[in-house]
Amino acid sequence: LYFSAQEGILIFYHIKDLQYEIKICADISQPISSLIFSPDYTSLLLVTDQGTVYSYRPARSGEAVKLLDTSSSCFLAADFLTPGNNYCVSVTISGEVQIWSLEDGTFLSKLNLGIEVHVT
């Protein structure tokens, strides 16, 4: 079970029978608004409401790596663009959909929907 604390800490609970172990995986020092696993469960996106996206690979047990920083207070959400784990899609309140490379955080493309977007 992965979850985040308000302080921007990614925590893993390993639960087996009635025993559990707690492990702090990463500290990104920004409140995490969502955690999204890749379709093959090898990567975890950590998304902040400030527009920063980090990647964490549970099998490597390393630190979270900053992939992109949209530096936008209008940032709403991000997710993997499937199939595969190579691209990320993000959306802003103004309706701008953006495509990013997860390899190096390169901005690739955008589409403006022309409407305001809300998350429910």
C-alpha atoms as a PDB file:
ATOM      1  CA  LEU A   1       0.000   0.000   0.000  1.00  0.00           C
ATOM      2  CA  TYR A   2       1.494   3.343  -1.085  1.00  0.00           C
ATOM      3  CA  PHE A   3       0.207   6.645   0.247  1.00  0.00           C
ATOM      4  CA  SER A   4       1.438  10.182   0.772  1.00  0.00           C
ATOM      5  CA  ALA A   5       1.509  12.458   3.761  1.00  0.00           C
ATOM      6  CA  GLN A   6       0.620  16.140   3.439  1.00  0.00           C
ATOM      7  CA  GLU A   7       4.269  17.099   3.768  1.00  0.00           C
ATOM      8  CA  GLY A   8       5.132  15.388   0.461  1.00  0.00           C
ATOM      9  CA  ILE A   9       6.379  12.095   1.836  1.00  0.00           C
ATOM     10  CA  LEU A  10       5.710   8.867  -0.082  1.00  0.00           C
ATOM     11  CA  ILE A  11       5.142   6.000   2.357  1.00  0.00           C
ATOM     12  CA  PHE A  12       4.885   2.261   1.720  1.00  0.00           C
ATOM     13  CA  TYR A  13       3.056  -0.139   4.017  1.00  0.00           C
ATOM     14  CA  HIS A  14       4.033  -3.769   3.476  1.00  0.00           C
ATOM     15  CA  ILE A  15       1.199  -5.815   5.012  1.00  0.00           C
ATOM     16  CA  LYS A  16       1.414  -9.569   5.503  1.00  0.00           C
ATOM     17  CA  ASP A  17      -1.107 -11.382   7.667  1.00  0.00           C
ATOM     18  CA  LEU A  18      -1.317  -9.371  10.906  1.00  0.00           C
ATOM     19  CA  GLN A  19       2.178  -7.870  10.548  1.00  0.00           C
ATOM     20  CA  TYR A  20       3.139  -4.687   8.740  1.00  0.00           C
ATOM     21  CA  GLU A  21       6.273  -2.730   7.963  1.00  0.00           C
ATOM     22  CA  ILE A  22       6.432   0.991   7.206  1.00  0.00           C
ATOM     23  CA  LYS A  23       9.004   2.425   4.815  1.00  0.00           C
ATOM     24  CA  ILE A  24       9.517   6.049   3.796  1.00  0.00           C
ATOM     25  CA  CYS A  25      10.266   5.895   0.072  1.00  0.00           C
ATOM     26  CA  ALA A  26      10.701   9.533  -0.923  1.00  0.00           C
ATOM     27  CA  ASP A  27      10.367  13.070   0.357  1.00  0.00           C
ATOM     28  CA  ILE A  28       9.589  15.626  -2.345  1.00  0.00           C
ATOM     29  CA  SER A  29       8.764  18.474   0.081  1.00  0.00           C
ATOM     30  CA  GLN A  30       5.563  19.400  -1.786  1.00  0.00           C
ATOM     31  CA  PRO A  31       2.058  18.165  -0.995  1.00  0.00           C
ATOM     32  CA  ILE A  32       1.252  15.222  -3.295  1.00  0.00           C
ATOM     33  CA  SER A  33      -2.194  15.517  -4.889  1.00  0.00           C
ATOM     34  CA  SER A  34      -2.253  12.111  -6.596  1.00  0.00           C
ATOM     35  CA  LEU A  35      -0.376   8.843  -7.053  1.00  0.00           C
ATOM     36  CA  ILE A  36      -0.775   6.996 -10.348  1.00  0.00           C
ATOM     37  CA  PHE A  37       0.708   3.590 -11.187  1.00  0.00           C
ATOM     38  CA  SER A  38       1.790   2.841 -14.739  1.00  0.00           C
ATOM     39  CA  PRO A  39      -0.246   0.159 -16.539  1.00  0.00           C
ATOM     40  CA  ASP A  40       2.454  -2.453 -15.810  1.00  0.00           C
ATOM     41  CA  TYR A  41       2.944  -1.254 -12.201  1.00  0.00           C
ATOM     42  CA  THR A  42       6.673  -0.580 -12.658  1.00  0.00           C
ATOM     43  CA  SER A  43       6.463   3.201 -12.174  1.00  0.00           C
ATOM     44  CA  LEU A  44       4.532   5.488  -9.914  1.00  0.00           C
ATOM     45  CA  LEU A  45       3.799   9.110 -10.810  1.00  0.00           C
ATOM     46  CA  LEU A  46       3.714  11.523  -7.886  1.00  0.00           C
ATOM     47  CA  VAL A  47       1.752  14.610  -8.903  1.00  0.00           C
ATOM     48  CA  THR A  48       1.667  17.837  -6.920  1.00  0.00           C
ATOM     49  CA  ASP A  49      -1.011  20.501  -7.201  1.00  0.00           C
ATOM     50  CA  GLN A  50       1.787  22.967  -8.007  1.00  0.00           C
ATOM     51  CA  GLY A  51       2.413  21.301 -11.369  1.00  0.00           C
ATOM     52  CA  THR A  52       5.417  19.135 -10.577  1.00  0.00           C
ATOM     53  CA  VAL A  53       5.487  15.452 -11.573  1.00  0.00           C
ATOM     54  CA  TYR A  54       7.929  12.945 -10.097  1.00  0.00           C
ATOM     55  CA  SER A  55       8.600   9.328 -11.013  1.00  0.00           C
ATOM     56  CA  TYR A  56       9.259   6.630  -8.445  1.00  0.00           C
ATOM     57  CA  ARG A  57      10.190   3.052  -9.379  1.00  0.00           C
ATOM     58  CA  PRO A  58       9.371   0.696  -6.484  1.00  0.00           C
ATOM     59  CA  ALA A  59      11.662  -2.094  -7.758  1.00  0.00           C
ATOM     60  CA  ARG A  60      14.657   0.261  -7.701  1.00  0.00           C
ATOM     61  CA  SER A  61      13.825   1.697  -4.245  1.00  0.00           C
ATOM     62  CA  GLY A  62      15.553   4.931  -5.147  1.00  0.00           C
ATOM     63  CA  GLU A  63      14.531   8.517  -4.725  1.00  0.00           C
ATOM     64  CA  ALA A  64      11.720  10.112  -6.661  1.00  0.00           C
ATOM     65  CA  VAL A  65      13.022  11.784  -9.823  1.00  0.00           C
ATOM     66  CA  LYS A  66      11.552  15.110 -10.959  1.00  0.00           C
ATOM     67  CA  LEU A  67      10.254  14.597 -14.483  1.00  0.00           C
ATOM     68  CA  LEU A  68       8.578  17.861 -15.237  1.00  0.00           C
ATOM     69  CA  ASP A  69       7.578  21.110 -13.658  1.00  0.00           C
ATOM     70  CA  THR A  70       4.761  22.961 -15.364  1.00  0.00           C
ATOM     71  CA  SER A  71       5.063  25.708 -12.713  1.00  0.00           C
ATOM     72  CA  SER A  72       1.394  26.379 -13.158  1.00  0.00           C
ATOM     73  CA  SER A  73      -1.114  27.136 -10.440  1.00  0.00           C
ATOM     74  CA  CYS A  74      -3.703  26.080 -13.058  1.00  0.00           C
ATOM     75  CA  PHE A  75      -2.394  22.492 -13.113  1.00  0.00           C
ATOM     76  CA  LEU A  76      -5.078  19.868 -12.423  1.00  0.00           C
ATOM     77  CA  ALA A  77      -3.824  16.351 -13.067  1.00  0.00           C
ATOM     78  CA  ALA A  78      -1.438  14.027 -14.887  1.00  0.00           C
ATOM     79  CA  ASP A  79      -1.513  10.387 -15.941  1.00  0.00           C
ATOM     80  CA  PHE A  80       0.358   7.872 -18.080  1.00  0.00           C
ATOM     81  CA  LEU A  81      -0.434   7.965 -21.783  1.00  0.00           C
ATOM     82  CA  THR A  82      -0.951   4.341 -22.743  1.00  0.00           C
ATOM     83  CA  PRO A  83       0.049   1.983 -24.214  1.00  0.00           C
ATOM     84  CA  GLY A  84       3.460   1.853 -22.563  1.00  0.00           C
ATOM     85  CA  ASN A  85       5.143   3.939 -19.887  1.00  0.00           C
ATOM     86  CA  ASN A  86       7.003   6.455 -22.032  1.00  0.00           C
ATOM     87  CA  TYR A  87       4.650   9.426 -22.038  1.00  0.00           C
ATOM     88  CA  CYS A  88       2.600  11.473 -19.611  1.00  0.00           C
ATOM     89  CA  VAL A  89      -0.443  13.640 -20.266  1.00  0.00           C
ATOM     90  CA  SER A  90      -1.342  16.619 -18.083  1.00  0.00           C
ATOM     91  CA  VAL A  91      -4.237  19.055 -18.092  1.00  0.00           C
ATOM     92  CA  THR A  92      -4.693  22.604 -16.808  1.00  0.00           C
ATOM     93  CA  ILE A  93      -7.821  24.394 -15.596  1.00  0.00           C
ATOM     94  CA  SER A  94      -7.847  26.443 -18.818  1.00  0.00           C
ATOM     95  CA  GLY A  95      -8.238  23.230 -20.853  1.00  0.00           C
ATOM     96  CA  GLU A  96      -4.716  22.829 -22.163  1.00  0.00           C
ATOM     97  CA  VAL A  97      -3.766  19.155 -22.569  1.00  0.00           C
ATOM     98  CA  GLN A  98       0.005  18.602 -22.647  1.00  0.00           C
ATOM     99  CA  ILE A  99       2.112  15.572 -23.611  1.00  0.00           C
ATOM    100  CA  TRP A 100       5.495  14.997 -21.922  1.00  0.00           C
ATOM    101  CA  SER A 101       8.284  12.435 -22.303  1.00  0.00           C
ATOM    102  CA  LEU A 102       8.767  10.491 -19.075  1.00  0.00           C
ATOM    103  CA  GLU A 103      12.340   9.693 -20.045  1.00  0.00           C
ATOM    104  CA  ASP A 104      13.627  13.241 -19.622  1.00  0.00           C
ATOM    105  CA  GLY A 105      10.597  15.481 -18.996  1.00  0.00           C
ATOM    106  CA  THR A 106      10.669  16.986 -22.493  1.00  0.00           C
ATOM    107  CA  PHE A 107       7.509  18.843 -23.506  1.00  0.00           C
ATOM    108  CA  LEU A 108       6.268  17.257 -26.750  1.00  0.00           C
ATOM    109  CA  SER A 109       2.881  18.652 -27.674  1.00  0.00           C
ATOM    110  CA  LYS A 110      -0.241  20.441 -26.497  1.00  0.00           C
ATOM    111  CA  LEU A 111      -3.872  20.770 -27.431  1.00  0.00           C
ATOM    112  CA  ASN A 112      -6.139  23.536 -26.224  1.00  0.00           C
ATOM    113  CA  LEU A 113      -9.682  22.280 -25.633  1.00  0.00           C
ATOM    114  CA  GLY A 114     -11.061  25.815 -25.491  1.00  0.00           C
ATOM    115  CA  ILE A 115     -13.056  25.172 -22.299  1.00  0.00           C
ATOM    116  CA  GLU A 116     -12.388  25.332 -18.572  1.00  0.00           C
ATOM    117  CA  VAL A 117     -11.735  21.920 -17.037  1.00  0.00           C
ATOM    118  CA  HIS A 118     -12.711  20.667 -13.562  1.00  0.00           C
ATOM    119  CA  VAL A 119     -11.820  17.509 -11.677  1.00  0.00           C
ATOM    120  CA  THR A 120     -14.584  15.755  -9.749  1.00  0.00           C
END
